[in-house]
Amino acid sequence: MGKTEAPKLLPLLRSRQQGEILALLLGDPELEASVTDIAAMAGVPISSVHREIERAEAAGIVTSRRIGNVRLVRADTDSPYYRGLADVLVKAFGPPQVLAEVLDDVDGVEAAHIFGSWAARWAGEGADRPVADIDVLVLGAPDRDRLYAALSVAEKRLGRPVQDAIRPADWIAEGTGRFHATVVSRPLVPINLGQG
């Protein structure tokens, strides 16, 4: 699955890689990962990740510590830039953008939304609860093989599992049951299909 056109924010950044690395770290304030793990999650060479981490740490955007030979990196949530940068970078390069890119290639997806703990965190709720995965509500009748292949790509790029719930296209308006009540009562982050 190829990447689509770069987000409009890209001219402000040095590269898409920089945006994806920073979105990965700033989008999850609990994430502390090694440079090697960040490279694997972002699909970027270790040398590039190292350079971007050096720049971000010098700018006060991330912080790092060493345990033996391993350098662990995380967002510097005390930075005055953290909240604003996290918001911008996640919109441009984080889960909503990554999922839009991969779901664009799946026939039968009429709409999609992120729900659960990631959406709650994005909406400013549940800050004390760690985000272990990304829950995505897929509306329509997708080709399941292509959907699961697309979500596998998203998992690699986002560095965490992506859990899907497939429902009919009208499920948000017409659905019933406990799961429906839970999903529609909590924050939903739309995935802008066709713009990935």
N, C-alpha and C. Protein backbone atom coordinates (compact mmCIF):
# COMPACT_ATOMS: atom_id res chain seq x y z
N MET A 1 0.84 -1.17 0.00
CA MET A 1 0.00 0.00 0.00
C MET A 1 0.88 1.23 0.00
N GLY A 2 0.77 2.03 -1.00
CA GLY A 2 1.60 3.20 -1.11
C GLY A 2 1.08 4.36 -0.29
N LYS A 3 1.97 5.26 0.05
CA LYS A 3 1.56 6.45 0.77
C LYS A 3 0.96 7.43 -0.21
N THR A 4 -0.03 8.16 0.25
CA THR A 4 -0.69 9.13 -0.60
C THR A 4 0.00 10.48 -0.46
N GLU A 5 -0.60 11.49 -1.05
CA GLU A 5 -0.05 12.83 -1.04
C GLU A 5 0.26 13.29 0.39
N ALA A 6 1.34 14.02 0.55
CA ALA A 6 1.75 14.50 1.87
C ALA A 6 0.73 15.48 2.44
N PRO A 7 0.52 15.47 3.76
CA PRO A 7 -0.37 16.44 4.36
C PRO A 7 0.13 17.86 4.09
N LYS A 8 -0.77 18.81 4.10
CA LYS A 8 -0.43 20.20 3.81
C LYS A 8 0.57 20.78 4.81
N LEU A 9 0.66 20.19 6.01
CA LEU A 9 1.58 20.65 7.03
C LEU A 9 3.04 20.39 6.65
N LEU A 10 3.27 19.46 5.75
CA LEU A 10 4.63 19.00 5.47
C LEU A 10 5.62 20.12 5.16
N PRO A 11 5.25 21.21 4.44
CA PRO A 11 6.26 22.25 4.20
C PRO A 11 6.84 22.88 5.47
N LEU A 12 6.14 22.78 6.59
CA LEU A 12 6.66 23.33 7.85
C LEU A 12 7.71 22.42 8.48
N LEU A 13 7.73 21.17 8.07
CA LEU A 13 8.64 20.20 8.64
C LEU A 13 9.72 19.84 7.63
N ARG A 14 10.78 19.26 8.12
CA ARG A 14 11.88 18.86 7.24
C ARG A 14 11.48 17.71 6.33
N SER A 15 10.64 16.79 6.84
CA SER A 15 10.28 15.61 6.06
C SER A 15 9.05 14.94 6.66
N ARG A 16 8.45 14.06 5.87
CA ARG A 16 7.35 13.23 6.37
C ARG A 16 7.86 12.38 7.54
N GLN A 17 9.09 11.87 7.41
CA GLN A 17 9.66 11.05 8.48
C GLN A 17 9.68 11.80 9.80
N GLN A 18 10.10 13.05 9.77
CA GLN A 18 10.14 13.85 10.98
C GLN A 18 8.74 13.97 11.57
N GLY A 19 7.76 14.26 10.74
CA GLY A 19 6.38 14.38 11.21
C GLY A 19 5.87 13.10 11.84
N GLU A 20 6.15 11.95 11.19
CA GLU A 20 5.66 10.67 11.71
C GLU A 20 6.36 10.30 13.02
N ILE A 21 7.64 10.55 13.12
CA ILE A 21 8.37 10.26 14.36
C ILE A 21 7.84 11.11 15.50
N LEU A 22 7.68 12.40 15.26
CA LEU A 22 7.19 13.30 16.31
C LEU A 22 5.74 13.01 16.67
N ALA A 23 4.91 12.68 15.68
CA ALA A 23 3.52 12.33 15.97
C ALA A 23 3.44 11.07 16.82
N LEU A 24 4.30 10.11 16.53
CA LEU A 24 4.33 8.87 17.31
C LEU A 24 4.63 9.18 18.78
N LEU A 25 5.63 10.01 19.03
CA LEU A 25 6.04 10.31 20.40
C LEU A 25 5.10 11.29 21.10
N LEU A 26 4.73 12.37 20.44
CA LEU A 26 3.90 13.37 21.07
C LEU A 26 2.44 12.93 21.16
N GLY A 27 2.05 12.02 20.29
CA GLY A 27 0.67 11.53 20.31
C GLY A 27 0.38 10.56 21.42
N ASP A 28 1.39 10.09 22.10
CA ASP A 28 1.21 9.14 23.21
C ASP A 28 2.17 9.51 24.33
N PRO A 29 1.75 10.35 25.26
CA PRO A 29 2.67 10.82 26.30
C PRO A 29 3.22 9.73 27.20
N GLU A 30 2.59 8.55 27.23
CA GLU A 30 3.12 7.45 28.04
C GLU A 30 4.18 6.63 27.31
N LEU A 31 4.24 6.77 26.00
CA LEU A 31 5.17 5.96 25.21
C LEU A 31 6.60 6.38 25.50
N GLU A 32 7.40 5.41 25.90
CA GLU A 32 8.84 5.59 26.02
C GLU A 32 9.44 4.45 25.23
N ALA A 33 10.16 4.78 24.18
CA ALA A 33 10.66 3.74 23.27
C ALA A 33 12.12 4.00 22.94
N SER A 34 12.79 2.91 22.60
CA SER A 34 14.18 3.03 22.18
C SER A 34 14.23 3.59 20.76
N VAL A 35 15.37 4.12 20.40
CA VAL A 35 15.57 4.62 19.04
C VAL A 35 15.33 3.50 18.04
N THR A 36 15.77 2.29 18.36
CA THR A 36 15.56 1.14 17.49
C THR A 36 14.08 0.83 17.33
N ASP A 37 13.33 0.86 18.43
CA ASP A 37 11.89 0.60 18.35
C ASP A 37 11.16 1.70 17.57
N ILE A 38 11.55 2.94 17.77
CA ILE A 38 10.94 4.05 17.02
C ILE A 38 11.19 3.86 15.53
N ALA A 39 12.41 3.48 15.17
CA ALA A 39 12.74 3.23 13.77
C ALA A 39 11.85 2.14 13.19
N ALA A 40 11.66 1.07 13.95
CA ALA A 40 10.82 -0.04 13.48
C ALA A 40 9.36 0.40 13.34
N MET A 41 8.85 1.14 14.33
CA MET A 41 7.46 1.58 14.29
C MET A 41 7.21 2.56 13.15
N ALA A 42 8.14 3.46 12.94
CA ALA A 42 7.96 4.48 11.91
C ALA A 42 8.42 4.02 10.53
N GLY A 43 9.13 2.89 10.48
CA GLY A 43 9.64 2.41 9.20
C GLY A 43 10.71 3.33 8.62
N VAL A 44 11.54 3.85 9.51
CA VAL A 44 12.56 4.84 9.16
C VAL A 44 13.92 4.28 9.58
N PRO A 45 14.99 4.54 8.82
CA PRO A 45 16.32 4.07 9.23
C PRO A 45 16.71 4.63 10.61
N ILE A 46 17.43 3.82 11.37
CA ILE A 46 17.85 4.22 12.72
C ILE A 46 18.64 5.52 12.69
N SER A 47 19.49 5.68 11.69
CA SER A 47 20.30 6.91 11.62
C SER A 47 19.40 8.15 11.47
N SER A 48 18.34 8.04 10.71
CA SER A 48 17.40 9.16 10.54
C SER A 48 16.67 9.44 11.85
N VAL A 49 16.23 8.38 12.52
CA VAL A 49 15.54 8.57 13.81
C VAL A 49 16.49 9.24 14.79
N HIS A 50 17.73 8.77 14.84
CA HIS A 50 18.70 9.35 15.76
C HIS A 50 18.84 10.86 15.52
N ARG A 51 18.99 11.25 14.24
CA ARG A 51 19.13 12.68 13.91
C ARG A 51 17.88 13.47 14.33
N GLU A 52 16.70 12.94 14.05
CA GLU A 52 15.46 13.66 14.39
C GLU A 52 15.28 13.76 15.90
N ILE A 53 15.66 12.71 16.63
CA ILE A 53 15.56 12.75 18.09
C ILE A 53 16.53 13.78 18.65
N GLU A 54 17.74 13.84 18.09
CA GLU A 54 18.72 14.84 18.54
C GLU A 54 18.15 16.25 18.36
N ARG A 55 17.58 16.53 17.20
CA ARG A 55 17.00 17.85 16.92
C ARG A 55 15.84 18.14 17.87
N ALA A 56 14.95 17.16 18.04
CA ALA A 56 13.77 17.35 18.89
C ALA A 56 14.16 17.55 20.35
N GLU A 57 15.18 16.83 20.80
CA GLU A 57 15.61 16.99 22.19
C GLU A 57 16.27 18.36 22.39
N ALA A 58 17.06 18.79 21.42
CA ALA A 58 17.69 20.11 21.51
C ALA A 58 16.63 21.22 21.53
N ALA A 59 15.51 20.99 20.86
CA ALA A 59 14.42 21.97 20.82
C ALA A 59 13.50 21.87 22.04
N GLY A 60 13.72 20.87 22.89
CA GLY A 60 12.89 20.71 24.08
C GLY A 60 11.55 20.05 23.82
N ILE A 61 11.45 19.29 22.74
CA ILE A 61 10.19 18.63 22.38
C ILE A 61 10.12 17.23 22.95
N VAL A 62 11.26 16.55 23.02
CA VAL A 62 11.34 15.21 23.60
C VAL A 62 12.44 15.19 24.63
N THR A 63 12.43 14.16 25.43
CA THR A 63 13.48 13.94 26.41
C THR A 63 13.93 12.49 26.29
N SER A 64 15.15 12.21 26.72
CA SER A 64 15.63 10.84 26.64
C SER A 64 16.45 10.51 27.87
N ARG A 65 16.62 9.22 28.07
CA ARG A 65 17.46 8.71 29.15
C ARG A 65 18.11 7.43 28.67
N ARG A 66 19.18 7.06 29.30
CA ARG A 66 19.89 5.84 28.91
C ARG A 66 19.77 4.78 30.00
N ILE A 67 19.56 3.55 29.55
CA ILE A 67 19.65 2.39 30.41
C ILE A 67 20.65 1.48 29.71
N GLY A 68 21.86 1.44 30.24
CA GLY A 68 22.93 0.72 29.56
C GLY A 68 23.21 1.37 28.22
N ASN A 69 23.17 0.58 27.16
CA ASN A 69 23.42 1.09 25.81
C ASN A 69 22.15 1.53 25.10
N VAL A 70 21.01 1.43 25.78
CA VAL A 70 19.73 1.74 25.15
C VAL A 70 19.30 3.16 25.50
N ARG A 71 18.97 3.93 24.48
CA ARG A 71 18.46 5.28 24.68
C ARG A 71 16.95 5.24 24.55
N LEU A 72 16.26 5.60 25.63
CA LEU A 72 14.80 5.63 25.65
C LEU A 72 14.33 7.06 25.49
N VAL A 73 13.35 7.26 24.61
CA VAL A 73 12.88 8.59 24.23
C VAL A 73 11.39 8.69 24.53
N ARG A 74 10.96 9.87 24.96
CA ARG A 74 9.54 10.12 25.18
C ARG A 74 9.26 11.60 24.96
N ALA A 75 7.98 11.93 24.82
CA ALA A 75 7.58 13.33 24.68
C ALA A 75 7.94 14.09 25.96
N ASP A 76 8.36 15.33 25.81
CA ASP A 76 8.59 16.19 26.96
C ASP A 76 7.29 16.93 27.22
N THR A 77 6.44 16.34 28.07
CA THR A 77 5.12 16.91 28.32
C THR A 77 5.19 18.19 29.15
N ASP A 78 6.37 18.51 29.69
CA ASP A 78 6.53 19.76 30.43
C ASP A 78 6.90 20.92 29.49
N SER A 79 7.18 20.62 28.25
CA SER A 79 7.54 21.65 27.29
C SER A 79 6.34 22.57 27.03
N PRO A 80 6.57 23.86 26.93
CA PRO A 80 5.45 24.76 26.61
C PRO A 80 4.90 24.52 25.20
N TYR A 81 5.63 23.80 24.38
CA TYR A 81 5.20 23.51 23.01
C TYR A 81 4.43 22.20 22.90
N TYR A 82 4.48 21.39 23.96
CA TYR A 82 3.95 20.02 23.86
C TYR A 82 2.51 19.97 23.37
N ARG A 83 1.58 20.58 24.07
CA ARG A 83 0.16 20.43 23.76
C ARG A 83 -0.16 20.87 22.33
N GLY A 84 0.31 22.04 21.93
CA GLY A 84 0.02 22.54 20.59
C GLY A 84 0.66 21.69 19.50
N LEU A 85 1.92 21.32 19.69
CA LEU A 85 2.59 20.48 18.69
C LEU A 85 1.95 19.10 18.60
N ALA A 86 1.61 18.53 19.74
CA ALA A 86 0.97 17.21 19.72
C ALA A 86 -0.32 17.26 18.93
N ASP A 87 -1.11 18.29 19.15
CA ASP A 87 -2.39 18.43 18.44
C ASP A 87 -2.17 18.52 16.93
N VAL A 88 -1.27 19.37 16.51
CA VAL A 88 -1.00 19.56 15.08
C VAL A 88 -0.41 18.31 14.44
N LEU A 89 0.59 17.73 15.09
CA LEU A 89 1.27 16.57 14.51
C LEU A 89 0.38 15.34 14.44
N VAL A 90 -0.44 15.12 15.45
CA VAL A 90 -1.34 13.96 15.42
C VAL A 90 -2.37 14.13 14.31
N LYS A 91 -2.88 15.34 14.13
CA LYS A 91 -3.84 15.57 13.03
C LYS A 91 -3.19 15.31 11.68
N ALA A 92 -1.95 15.72 11.53
CA ALA A 92 -1.29 15.60 10.23
C ALA A 92 -0.66 14.24 9.97
N PHE A 93 -0.17 13.55 11.03
CA PHE A 93 0.60 12.33 10.83
C PHE A 93 0.21 11.17 11.75
N GLY A 94 -0.71 11.39 12.68
CA GLY A 94 -1.05 10.38 13.66
C GLY A 94 -2.12 9.40 13.21
N PRO A 95 -2.75 8.71 14.16
CA PRO A 95 -3.72 7.67 13.83
C PRO A 95 -4.82 8.07 12.84
N PRO A 96 -5.45 9.25 12.97
CA PRO A 96 -6.49 9.56 11.97
C PRO A 96 -5.94 9.62 10.54
N GLN A 97 -4.76 10.18 10.37
CA GLN A 97 -4.16 10.30 9.04
C GLN A 97 -3.69 8.94 8.53
N VAL A 98 -3.02 8.17 9.39
CA VAL A 98 -2.53 6.85 8.98
C VAL A 98 -3.70 5.95 8.59
N LEU A 99 -4.74 5.94 9.41
CA LEU A 99 -5.91 5.11 9.10
C LEU A 99 -6.61 5.58 7.83
N ALA A 100 -6.68 6.88 7.60
CA ALA A 100 -7.27 7.38 6.35
C ALA A 100 -6.48 6.86 5.16
N GLU A 101 -5.17 6.91 5.26
CA GLU A 101 -4.33 6.45 4.15
C GLU A 101 -4.55 4.97 3.85
N VAL A 102 -4.56 4.13 4.89
CA VAL A 102 -4.65 2.69 4.63
C VAL A 102 -6.07 2.25 4.29
N LEU A 103 -7.08 2.92 4.84
CA LEU A 103 -8.46 2.52 4.56
C LEU A 103 -8.95 3.01 3.20
N ASP A 104 -8.29 4.01 2.65
CA ASP A 104 -8.65 4.49 1.30
C ASP A 104 -8.57 3.38 0.26
N ASP A 105 -7.72 2.39 0.50
CA ASP A 105 -7.51 1.31 -0.46
C ASP A 105 -8.45 0.13 -0.26
N VAL A 106 -9.38 0.23 0.71
CA VAL A 106 -10.25 -0.91 1.03
C VAL A 106 -11.65 -0.65 0.48
N ASP A 107 -12.07 -1.50 -0.48
CA ASP A 107 -13.42 -1.39 -1.04
C ASP A 107 -14.46 -1.69 0.03
N GLY A 108 -15.56 -0.97 -0.02
CA GLY A 108 -16.69 -1.24 0.86
C GLY A 108 -16.68 -0.48 2.17
N VAL A 109 -15.64 0.30 2.45
CA VAL A 109 -15.62 1.12 3.66
C VAL A 109 -16.31 2.43 3.34
N GLU A 110 -17.46 2.66 3.98
CA GLU A 110 -18.22 3.89 3.72
C GLU A 110 -17.84 5.01 4.67
N ALA A 111 -17.47 4.65 5.89
CA ALA A 111 -17.03 5.63 6.88
C ALA A 111 -16.23 4.88 7.95
N ALA A 112 -15.46 5.63 8.71
CA ALA A 112 -14.70 5.03 9.80
C ALA A 112 -14.44 6.08 10.87
N HIS A 113 -14.35 5.61 12.11
CA HIS A 113 -14.11 6.48 13.25
C HIS A 113 -13.19 5.75 14.23
N ILE A 114 -12.36 6.52 14.92
CA ILE A 114 -11.61 5.98 16.04
C ILE A 114 -12.49 6.18 17.28
N PHE A 115 -12.56 5.13 18.11
CA PHE A 115 -13.32 5.23 19.35
C PHE A 115 -12.47 4.64 20.48
N GLY A 116 -13.01 4.56 21.66
CA GLY A 116 -12.28 3.94 22.77
C GLY A 116 -11.29 4.88 23.43
N SER A 117 -10.26 4.30 24.05
CA SER A 117 -9.35 5.08 24.89
C SER A 117 -8.55 6.12 24.11
N TRP A 118 -8.16 5.82 22.85
CA TRP A 118 -7.41 6.83 22.09
C TRP A 118 -8.29 8.03 21.80
N ALA A 119 -9.53 7.79 21.37
CA ALA A 119 -10.46 8.89 21.07
C ALA A 119 -10.76 9.70 22.34
N ALA A 120 -10.93 9.00 23.46
CA ALA A 120 -11.18 9.70 24.72
C ALA A 120 -10.00 10.58 25.09
N ARG A 121 -8.80 10.06 24.96
CA ARG A 121 -7.60 10.85 25.25
C ARG A 121 -7.54 12.06 24.33
N TRP A 122 -7.82 11.86 23.05
CA TRP A 122 -7.79 12.95 22.07
C TRP A 122 -8.79 14.04 22.44
N ALA A 123 -9.95 13.64 22.99
CA ALA A 123 -10.98 14.59 23.39
C ALA A 123 -10.72 15.20 24.77
N GLY A 124 -9.61 14.81 25.40
CA GLY A 124 -9.26 15.36 26.70
C GLY A 124 -9.84 14.60 27.87
N GLU A 125 -10.35 13.40 27.60
CA GLU A 125 -10.91 12.56 28.67
C GLU A 125 -9.96 11.40 28.95
N GLY A 126 -10.04 10.84 30.13
CA GLY A 126 -9.31 9.62 30.44
C GLY A 126 -7.80 9.76 30.40
N ALA A 127 -7.27 10.89 30.81
CA ALA A 127 -5.83 11.13 30.72
C ALA A 127 -5.00 10.17 31.58
N ASP A 128 -5.61 9.58 32.61
CA ASP A 128 -4.85 8.68 33.47
C ASP A 128 -4.80 7.26 32.93
N ARG A 129 -5.55 6.97 31.91
CA ARG A 129 -5.62 5.61 31.37
C ARG A 129 -4.67 5.45 30.19
N PRO A 130 -3.75 4.50 30.24
CA PRO A 130 -2.84 4.32 29.12
C PRO A 130 -3.58 3.83 27.87
N VAL A 131 -3.08 4.22 26.74
CA VAL A 131 -3.67 3.82 25.46
C VAL A 131 -2.86 2.65 24.93
N ALA A 132 -3.43 1.46 25.02
CA ALA A 132 -2.72 0.26 24.59
C ALA A 132 -2.93 -0.04 23.12
N ASP A 133 -4.06 0.38 22.57
CA ASP A 133 -4.36 0.08 21.17
C ASP A 133 -5.24 1.19 20.59
N ILE A 134 -5.50 1.06 19.32
CA ILE A 134 -6.38 2.00 18.62
C ILE A 134 -7.62 1.20 18.21
N ASP A 135 -8.79 1.67 18.63
CA ASP A 135 -10.05 1.02 18.26
C ASP A 135 -10.64 1.77 17.08
N VAL A 136 -10.96 1.06 16.01
CA VAL A 136 -11.51 1.71 14.83
C VAL A 136 -12.85 1.07 14.47
N LEU A 137 -13.85 1.91 14.30
CA LEU A 137 -15.18 1.50 13.88
C LEU A 137 -15.24 1.65 12.36
N VAL A 138 -15.43 0.55 11.67
CA VAL A 138 -15.49 0.55 10.21
C VAL A 138 -16.95 0.35 9.81
N LEU A 139 -17.50 1.31 9.08
CA LEU A 139 -18.90 1.24 8.67
C LEU A 139 -18.98 0.89 7.19
N GLY A 140 -19.85 -0.06 6.87
CA GLY A 140 -20.01 -0.50 5.49
C GLY A 140 -19.87 -2.00 5.40
N ALA A 141 -19.50 -2.46 4.22
CA ALA A 141 -19.29 -3.89 3.97
C ALA A 141 -17.93 -4.07 3.32
N PRO A 142 -16.86 -3.90 4.12
CA PRO A 142 -15.51 -3.95 3.53
C PRO A 142 -15.09 -5.35 3.13
N ASP A 143 -14.19 -5.39 2.17
CA ASP A 143 -13.49 -6.63 1.83
C ASP A 143 -12.60 -6.92 3.03
N ARG A 144 -12.93 -7.97 3.78
CA ARG A 144 -12.25 -8.22 5.06
C ARG A 144 -10.77 -8.54 4.90
N ASP A 145 -10.41 -9.27 3.86
CA ASP A 145 -8.98 -9.56 3.65
C ASP A 145 -8.19 -8.28 3.45
N ARG A 146 -8.72 -7.38 2.62
CA ARG A 146 -8.03 -6.11 2.38
C ARG A 146 -8.06 -5.23 3.62
N LEU A 147 -9.17 -5.28 4.36
CA LEU A 147 -9.26 -4.49 5.59
C LEU A 147 -8.18 -4.94 6.58
N TYR A 148 -8.08 -6.24 6.80
CA TYR A 148 -7.10 -6.74 7.78
C TYR A 148 -5.67 -6.49 7.32
N ALA A 149 -5.43 -6.55 6.03
CA ALA A 149 -4.09 -6.23 5.51
C ALA A 149 -3.79 -4.74 5.74
N ALA A 150 -4.78 -3.89 5.51
CA ALA A 150 -4.61 -2.45 5.71
C ALA A 150 -4.37 -2.13 7.18
N LEU A 151 -5.13 -2.77 8.06
CA LEU A 151 -4.96 -2.51 9.48
C LEU A 151 -3.62 -3.03 10.00
N SER A 152 -3.10 -4.08 9.38
CA SER A 152 -1.78 -4.58 9.73
C SER A 152 -0.71 -3.53 9.40
N VAL A 153 -0.85 -2.88 8.26
CA VAL A 153 0.06 -1.80 7.88
C VAL A 153 -0.04 -0.66 8.90
N ALA A 154 -1.27 -0.32 9.27
CA ALA A 154 -1.47 0.76 10.25
C ALA A 154 -0.83 0.40 11.59
N GLU A 155 -0.96 -0.84 12.01
CA GLU A 155 -0.34 -1.27 13.27
C GLU A 155 1.16 -1.05 13.26
N LYS A 156 1.79 -1.40 12.17
CA LYS A 156 3.25 -1.23 12.07
C LYS A 156 3.61 0.25 12.13
N ARG A 157 2.86 1.07 11.41
CA ARG A 157 3.18 2.50 11.38
C ARG A 157 2.87 3.21 12.70
N LEU A 158 1.85 2.74 13.40
CA LEU A 158 1.45 3.39 14.65
C LEU A 158 2.13 2.80 15.88
N GLY A 159 2.75 1.63 15.71
CA GLY A 159 3.46 1.01 16.81
C GLY A 159 2.57 0.45 17.90
N ARG A 160 1.35 0.11 17.55
CA ARG A 160 0.42 -0.47 18.52
C ARG A 160 -0.67 -1.23 17.79
N PRO A 161 -1.35 -2.16 18.46
CA PRO A 161 -2.42 -2.90 17.79
C PRO A 161 -3.58 -1.99 17.38
N VAL A 162 -4.22 -2.35 16.29
CA VAL A 162 -5.43 -1.66 15.83
C VAL A 162 -6.55 -2.70 15.86
N GLN A 163 -7.56 -2.43 16.69
CA GLN A 163 -8.70 -3.34 16.84
C GLN A 163 -9.86 -2.79 16.03
N ASP A 164 -10.49 -3.64 15.23
CA ASP A 164 -11.59 -3.17 14.40
C ASP A 164 -12.94 -3.67 14.91
N ALA A 165 -13.97 -2.89 14.64
CA ALA A 165 -15.36 -3.29 14.84
C ALA A 165 -16.06 -2.92 13.54
N ILE A 166 -16.57 -3.91 12.83
CA ILE A 166 -17.23 -3.68 11.54
C ILE A 166 -18.74 -3.68 11.77
N ARG A 167 -19.39 -2.64 11.30
CA ARG A 167 -20.83 -2.51 11.44
C ARG A 167 -21.42 -1.98 10.14
N PRO A 168 -22.75 -2.14 9.95
CA PRO A 168 -23.39 -1.60 8.74
C PRO A 168 -23.23 -0.08 8.65
N ALA A 169 -23.38 0.44 7.46
CA ALA A 169 -23.15 1.87 7.21
C ALA A 169 -24.02 2.77 8.08
N ASP A 170 -25.23 2.36 8.41
CA ASP A 170 -26.15 3.20 9.19
C ASP A 170 -26.11 2.90 10.69
N TRP A 171 -25.12 2.18 11.14
CA TRP A 171 -25.08 1.69 12.52
C TRP A 171 -25.06 2.81 13.56
N ILE A 172 -24.35 3.89 13.32
CA ILE A 172 -24.29 4.96 14.33
C ILE A 172 -25.69 5.53 14.56
N ALA A 173 -26.45 5.77 13.51
CA ALA A 173 -27.79 6.33 13.65
C ALA A 173 -28.84 5.29 14.03
N GLU A 174 -28.69 4.07 13.54
CA GLU A 174 -29.74 3.05 13.69
C GLU A 174 -29.40 1.89 14.62
N GLY A 175 -28.19 1.80 15.10
CA GLY A 175 -27.79 0.66 15.91
C GLY A 175 -28.46 0.60 17.27
N THR A 176 -28.40 -0.56 17.88
CA THR A 176 -28.95 -0.76 19.22
C THR A 176 -27.99 -1.62 20.02
N GLY A 177 -28.28 -1.78 21.29
CA GLY A 177 -27.49 -2.66 22.13
C GLY A 177 -26.48 -1.91 22.99
N ARG A 178 -25.88 -2.65 23.90
CA ARG A 178 -24.94 -2.08 24.87
C ARG A 178 -23.69 -1.52 24.19
N PHE A 179 -23.11 -2.28 23.23
CA PHE A 179 -21.91 -1.79 22.54
C PHE A 179 -22.22 -0.48 21.81
N HIS A 180 -23.35 -0.43 21.12
CA HIS A 180 -23.75 0.79 20.41
C HIS A 180 -23.88 1.95 21.39
N ALA A 181 -24.57 1.72 22.49
CA ALA A 181 -24.77 2.79 23.48
C ALA A 181 -23.43 3.29 24.01
N THR A 182 -22.51 2.39 24.27
CA THR A 182 -21.19 2.77 24.77
C THR A 182 -20.43 3.59 23.73
N VAL A 183 -20.40 3.10 22.51
CA VAL A 183 -19.63 3.78 21.46
C VAL A 183 -20.16 5.17 21.18
N VAL A 184 -21.47 5.32 21.02
CA VAL A 184 -22.01 6.63 20.65
C VAL A 184 -22.05 7.61 21.82
N SER A 185 -21.89 7.12 23.06
CA SER A 185 -21.88 8.02 24.21
C SER A 185 -20.49 8.57 24.51
N ARG A 186 -19.49 8.04 23.86
CA ARG A 186 -18.10 8.46 24.09
C ARG A 186 -17.58 9.19 22.85
N PRO A 187 -16.43 9.82 22.95
CA PRO A 187 -15.88 10.53 21.80
C PRO A 187 -15.62 9.61 20.60
N LEU A 188 -15.94 10.13 19.42
CA LEU A 188 -15.62 9.48 18.14
C LEU A 188 -14.77 10.45 17.34
N VAL A 189 -13.66 9.96 16.81
CA VAL A 189 -12.79 10.79 15.97
C VAL A 189 -12.98 10.30 14.53
N PRO A 190 -13.56 11.14 13.68
CA PRO A 190 -13.78 10.70 12.30
C PRO A 190 -12.46 10.51 11.54
N ILE A 191 -12.45 9.52 10.68
CA ILE A 191 -11.32 9.28 9.78
C ILE A 191 -11.76 9.80 8.43
N ASN A 192 -11.06 10.79 7.93
CA ASN A 192 -11.45 11.46 6.69
C ASN A 192 -11.02 10.66 5.46
N LEU A 193 -11.87 9.73 5.08
CA LEU A 193 -11.58 8.89 3.92
C LEU A 193 -11.59 9.75 2.66
N GLY A 194 -10.79 9.38 1.71
CA GLY A 194 -10.69 10.14 0.47
C GLY A 194 -9.74 11.32 0.58
N GLN A 195 -9.19 11.53 1.77
CA GLN A 195 -8.25 12.63 1.97
C GLN A 195 -6.96 12.12 2.57
N GLY A 196 -6.79 10.76 2.65
CA GLY A 196 -5.64 10.18 3.32
C GLY A 196 -4.35 10.43 2.67
